Amino acid sequence: MRKILTLLAVLVSICIQAQDAMKVLDIAADRIRKAGNVKIEYKAGIFSNGTETASSSGTMWLQESKMKLEADGIKTWYNGKTRWCYVPEANEVNIDEPNKKEMAAMNPYTFMNIYKKGFKMTVKETVLRGEAVYEVYLKARYAKMEVKEIYVDVRKSDYQPLCIRLRENKDWQRVSVLSFKGNLNLSDDFFTFKESEYPNVLINDMR
């Protein structure tokens, strides 16, 4: 009887943990959406067996499905359908029409659209970069899921995600959010490459 009661207590605790974890991510996702047009400065890295094998830093602007990205000297515009990628060393711009999966891989807030289905969740309170955070851990329920694990560190004071780590195969990807500004005035043209501003650029249209 005592073992059964202990098991029930553990199950209740797990259910409460899952509800609390979902609540943290729901609030974080809702605040990001309400922020509207946003600017994010970030640092990203890929880790294999605990060693960083690649890194990048940059600035990203988001407006619903639109995106502009400046990272490591390369500029990318995406207007919701067409993507332009400008490489200054070659004075070349590549144009294509990526699918949703390709664009999701570029967006640190992809977790906003995937966390509600297929994951077991837990949450704990900890400290990151000197700030109190909720650390939400998500583990895939099914082996066929592409993303196996996710950690999202959310600042307790305002529910701003500070760090997102995810694993698809063996390697981990980490995105640290260094700054976040919302409610910016960004026009649709901001997310479109303007050829007139890049004289003699080589156009490589792959559509």
Protein backbone atom coordinates (compact mmCIF):
# COMPACT_ATOMS: atom_id res chain seq x y z
CA MET A 1 0.00 0.00 0.00
CA ARG A 2 2.82 2.38 0.92
CA LYS A 3 4.52 1.72 -2.44
CA ILE A 4 1.27 2.45 -4.30
CA LEU A 5 0.81 5.73 -2.41
CA THR A 6 4.42 6.69 -3.15
CA LEU A 7 3.90 5.95 -6.85
CA LEU A 8 0.71 8.03 -6.89
CA ALA A 9 2.53 10.91 -5.23
CA VAL A 10 5.25 10.74 -7.89
CA LEU A 11 2.66 10.69 -10.68
CA VAL A 12 0.83 13.70 -9.21
CA SER A 13 4.15 15.54 -8.90
CA ILE A 14 4.98 14.80 -12.56
CA CYS A 15 1.55 16.07 -13.69
CA ILE A 16 1.96 19.30 -11.70
CA GLN A 17 5.47 19.75 -13.12
CA ALA A 18 4.14 19.34 -16.67
CA GLN A 19 1.35 21.87 -16.07
CA ASP A 20 3.78 24.39 -14.58
CA ALA A 21 6.25 23.90 -17.46
CA MET A 22 3.51 24.39 -20.04
CA LYS A 23 2.35 27.55 -18.25
CA VAL A 24 5.86 29.05 -18.33
CA LEU A 25 6.23 28.43 -22.07
CA ASP A 26 2.68 29.61 -22.81
CA ILE A 27 3.37 32.94 -21.08
CA ALA A 28 6.77 33.32 -22.77
CA ALA A 29 5.36 32.55 -26.23
CA ASP A 30 2.39 34.90 -25.71
CA ARG A 31 4.64 37.79 -24.68
CA ILE A 32 6.87 37.30 -27.71
CA ARG A 33 3.85 37.33 -30.04
CA LYS A 34 2.44 40.47 -28.40
CA ALA A 35 5.81 42.20 -28.79
CA GLY A 36 5.10 42.35 -32.53
CA ASN A 37 8.08 43.41 -34.63
CA VAL A 38 11.17 42.39 -32.68
CA LYS A 39 14.95 42.71 -32.81
CA ILE A 40 17.11 39.99 -31.26
CA GLU A 41 20.86 39.93 -30.72
CA TYR A 42 22.13 36.41 -30.17
CA LYS A 43 25.06 34.03 -30.03
CA ALA A 44 24.68 30.48 -31.36
CA GLY A 45 26.81 27.37 -31.15
CA ILE A 46 26.86 23.68 -32.07
CA PHE A 47 28.28 21.19 -29.57
CA SER A 48 29.49 17.63 -30.10
CA ASN A 49 30.42 15.56 -27.04
CA GLY A 50 30.50 18.74 -25.00
CA THR A 51 32.90 20.55 -27.35
CA GLU A 52 31.82 23.56 -29.39
CA THR A 53 32.43 22.75 -33.06
CA ALA A 54 30.88 25.85 -34.66
CA SER A 55 29.69 29.25 -33.50
CA SER A 56 27.98 32.31 -34.86
CA SER A 57 26.63 35.61 -33.59
CA GLY A 58 24.30 38.11 -35.15
CA THR A 59 21.17 40.19 -35.14
CA MET A 60 17.71 39.07 -36.22
CA TRP A 61 14.51 41.01 -36.90
CA LEU A 62 11.16 39.19 -36.96
CA GLN A 63 7.69 40.20 -38.15
CA GLU A 64 5.24 37.28 -38.15
CA SER A 65 6.65 34.98 -40.89
CA LYS A 66 9.15 37.57 -42.16
CA MET A 67 12.78 37.67 -41.11
CA LYS A 68 15.98 39.63 -41.61
CA LEU A 69 19.28 38.25 -40.37
CA GLU A 70 22.80 39.65 -40.18
CA ALA A 71 25.36 37.10 -39.03
CA ASP A 72 29.10 36.78 -39.61
CA GLY A 73 29.02 39.38 -42.39
CA ILE A 74 26.25 37.64 -44.36
CA LYS A 75 22.84 39.31 -44.72
CA THR A 76 19.60 37.41 -45.26
CA TRP A 77 16.13 38.75 -46.03
CA TYR A 78 12.95 36.68 -46.05
CA ASN A 79 9.55 38.22 -46.91
CA GLY A 80 7.48 35.15 -46.08
CA LYS A 81 8.04 33.50 -49.47
CA THR A 82 11.36 34.53 -51.03
CA ARG A 83 14.78 34.48 -49.36
CA TRP A 84 17.76 36.59 -50.44
CA CYS A 85 21.20 35.75 -49.04
CA TYR A 86 23.92 38.32 -49.72
CA VAL A 87 27.58 37.30 -49.46
CA PRO A 88 29.70 40.48 -49.50
CA GLU A 89 33.02 38.73 -50.21
CA ALA A 90 31.64 37.53 -53.54
CA ASN A 91 29.27 40.49 -54.04
CA GLU A 92 26.66 37.84 -54.77
CA VAL A 93 23.08 37.34 -53.70
CA ASN A 94 21.42 33.91 -53.81
CA ILE A 95 17.65 33.83 -54.20
CA ASP A 96 15.42 30.86 -53.34
CA GLU A 97 12.06 29.95 -51.85
CA PRO A 98 12.76 27.86 -48.72
CA ASN A 99 10.21 25.63 -47.06
CA LYS A 100 8.94 26.16 -43.51
CA LYS A 101 11.35 23.60 -42.07
CA GLU A 102 14.36 25.40 -43.54
CA MET A 103 13.22 28.74 -42.15
CA ALA A 104 12.39 27.25 -38.76
CA ALA A 105 16.00 26.10 -38.47
CA MET A 106 17.08 29.76 -38.63
CA ASN A 107 14.66 30.99 -35.98
CA PRO A 108 15.61 30.70 -32.27
CA TYR A 109 11.93 30.89 -31.32
CA THR A 110 10.94 27.76 -33.23
CA PHE A 111 10.04 26.18 -29.87
CA MET A 112 6.94 28.45 -29.81
CA ASN A 113 5.32 26.30 -32.49
CA ILE A 114 6.36 22.80 -31.42
CA TYR A 115 6.33 22.49 -27.64
CA LYS A 116 2.61 21.77 -27.21
CA LYS A 117 2.59 18.34 -28.86
CA GLY A 118 4.72 15.26 -28.39
CA PHE A 119 6.89 16.32 -25.44
CA LYS A 120 7.11 15.41 -21.79
CA MET A 121 7.88 18.51 -19.71
CA THR A 122 9.41 19.40 -16.38
CA VAL A 123 10.50 22.74 -14.92
CA LYS A 124 12.84 23.88 -12.19
CA GLU A 125 14.12 27.19 -10.88
CA THR A 126 17.81 27.99 -11.36
CA VAL A 127 20.19 30.83 -12.23
CA LEU A 128 21.61 31.75 -15.63
CA ARG A 129 24.10 34.58 -16.22
CA GLY A 130 23.30 35.88 -12.76
CA GLU A 131 19.53 36.00 -13.32
CA ALA A 132 16.79 33.84 -11.82
CA VAL A 133 15.20 31.65 -14.49
CA TYR A 134 12.77 28.83 -15.04
CA GLU A 135 14.56 25.98 -16.81
CA VAL A 136 11.97 24.05 -18.82
CA TYR A 137 13.06 20.63 -20.07
CA LEU A 138 11.21 18.94 -22.94
CA LYS A 139 11.81 15.33 -23.97
CA ALA A 140 10.31 13.79 -27.11
CA ARG A 141 7.68 11.15 -26.46
CA TYR A 142 8.27 9.34 -29.75
CA ALA A 143 11.48 8.10 -31.36
CA LYS A 144 10.43 9.35 -34.81
CA MET A 145 10.38 12.99 -33.69
CA GLU A 146 13.21 15.05 -35.17
CA VAL A 147 13.84 17.13 -32.05
CA LYS A 148 14.73 14.80 -29.18
CA GLU A 149 15.34 17.23 -26.32
CA ILE A 150 14.94 20.94 -25.62
CA TYR A 151 15.94 23.18 -22.73
CA VAL A 152 14.42 26.67 -22.53
CA ASP A 153 15.69 29.08 -19.88
CA VAL A 154 13.05 31.75 -19.21
CA ARG A 155 13.77 34.78 -17.03
CA LYS A 156 11.45 34.80 -14.04
CA SER A 157 10.98 38.58 -13.90
CA ASP A 158 9.47 39.02 -17.38
CA TYR A 159 9.28 35.54 -18.98
CA GLN A 160 11.87 36.45 -21.61
CA PRO A 161 13.68 33.36 -23.01
CA LEU A 162 17.41 33.80 -22.41
CA CYS A 163 18.77 30.53 -23.76
CA ILE A 164 17.43 27.72 -25.95
CA ARG A 165 19.22 24.39 -26.34
CA LEU A 166 18.00 21.55 -28.51
CA ARG A 167 19.18 18.17 -29.72
CA GLU A 168 18.11 16.49 -32.95
CA ASN A 169 20.68 13.68 -33.25
CA LYS A 170 23.79 13.54 -31.08
CA ASP A 171 24.81 17.17 -31.38
CA TRP A 172 23.34 20.04 -29.39
CA GLN A 173 22.50 23.50 -30.69
CA ARG A 174 22.48 26.46 -28.32
CA VAL A 175 21.17 29.97 -28.88
CA SER A 176 21.83 32.57 -26.20
CA VAL A 177 19.62 35.65 -26.47
CA LEU A 178 21.76 38.68 -25.58
CA SER A 179 19.12 41.38 -26.12
CA PHE A 180 15.46 41.58 -27.11
CA LYS A 181 13.52 44.65 -28.27
CA GLY A 182 9.85 44.54 -29.26
CA ASN A 183 7.20 46.79 -30.78
CA LEU A 184 9.55 48.18 -33.43
CA ASN A 185 8.34 50.04 -36.51
CA LEU A 186 9.42 47.74 -39.35
CA SER A 187 7.97 48.03 -42.87
CA ASP A 188 7.45 45.13 -45.29
CA ASP A 189 10.30 46.52 -47.43
CA PHE A 190 12.67 45.98 -44.53
CA PHE A 191 12.45 42.25 -45.21
CA THR A 192 13.15 42.51 -48.95
CA PHE A 193 16.53 42.75 -50.69
CA LYS A 194 16.97 46.04 -52.55
CA GLU A 195 19.19 45.53 -55.58
CA SER A 196 19.63 49.30 -56.03
CA GLU A 197 21.60 49.44 -52.77
CA TYR A 198 24.09 46.82 -54.00
CA PRO A 199 25.54 47.99 -57.34
CA ASN A 200 27.03 45.38 -59.67
CA VAL A 201 25.83 42.57 -57.43
CA LEU A 202 25.79 39.11 -59.01
CA ILE A 203 22.28 37.61 -58.92
CA ASN A 204 22.04 33.85 -58.51
CA ASP A 205 18.33 33.03 -58.81
CA MET A 206 17.67 29.42 -57.77
CA ARG A 207 13.87 29.56 -57.71
